[in-house]
Structure formats: C-alpha cells, structure tokens
Amino acid sequence: MEKKLGVIIILVNDRQQVPRINTLLGEHGDIILSRQGLNISEDNVQLISLFIKSDANTINSLTGKMGRLHGVKVRTLQLSDIH
C-alpha cells in the first residue's frame, strides 16, 4: 500500500476527551513523525498537530475514531505519495 506524508490537525473543545485522544495517538505512534500541542487558554481549546507517514487506510482509521469523539474536530491534509 502506498504511504503518504500528511498533517492532521485536531481541535479539542472538550478537555475530558484528552485521555482518549492520547490513547488513540499511542496506538498509532508508529505513524507519527512529529507531534505538537498548543493550549489556547483564552478560547478554552487545545490544538494538536501531527506530521504523519502512513497509508490512507490507517490515516482514515485514526482520524475517523478521533472525529467521533464529542468536542473534537479533525482535519487531514495528505501531502504526497512516497514511493
């Protein structure tokens, strides 16, 4: 299966979801190249950015699970195929 480089942005409005997000990210740690978290306290939200390298099915599985969590929005940008 073709691997892609990509970016996942996670917006967390419900801090109670953070432990579940961390569990999901730990389960997919092998595809994460870089992770950065940003707390925007004045807006009471957290942003997590991930740089990833994986096949589309694995990326979609991860983002689908996170996107079903209450108070969590996920966007993905797949940058390129890696040969």
Foldseek 3Di string as FASTA:
>chain_A
DWKFKKKKKKKAQDVVCVVVLVVLCVVVVVFFPDKDKDQPVVVNMIMMMTIGIGDPVVVCVSQVVQCPDPRMDMDMDTDDTDD
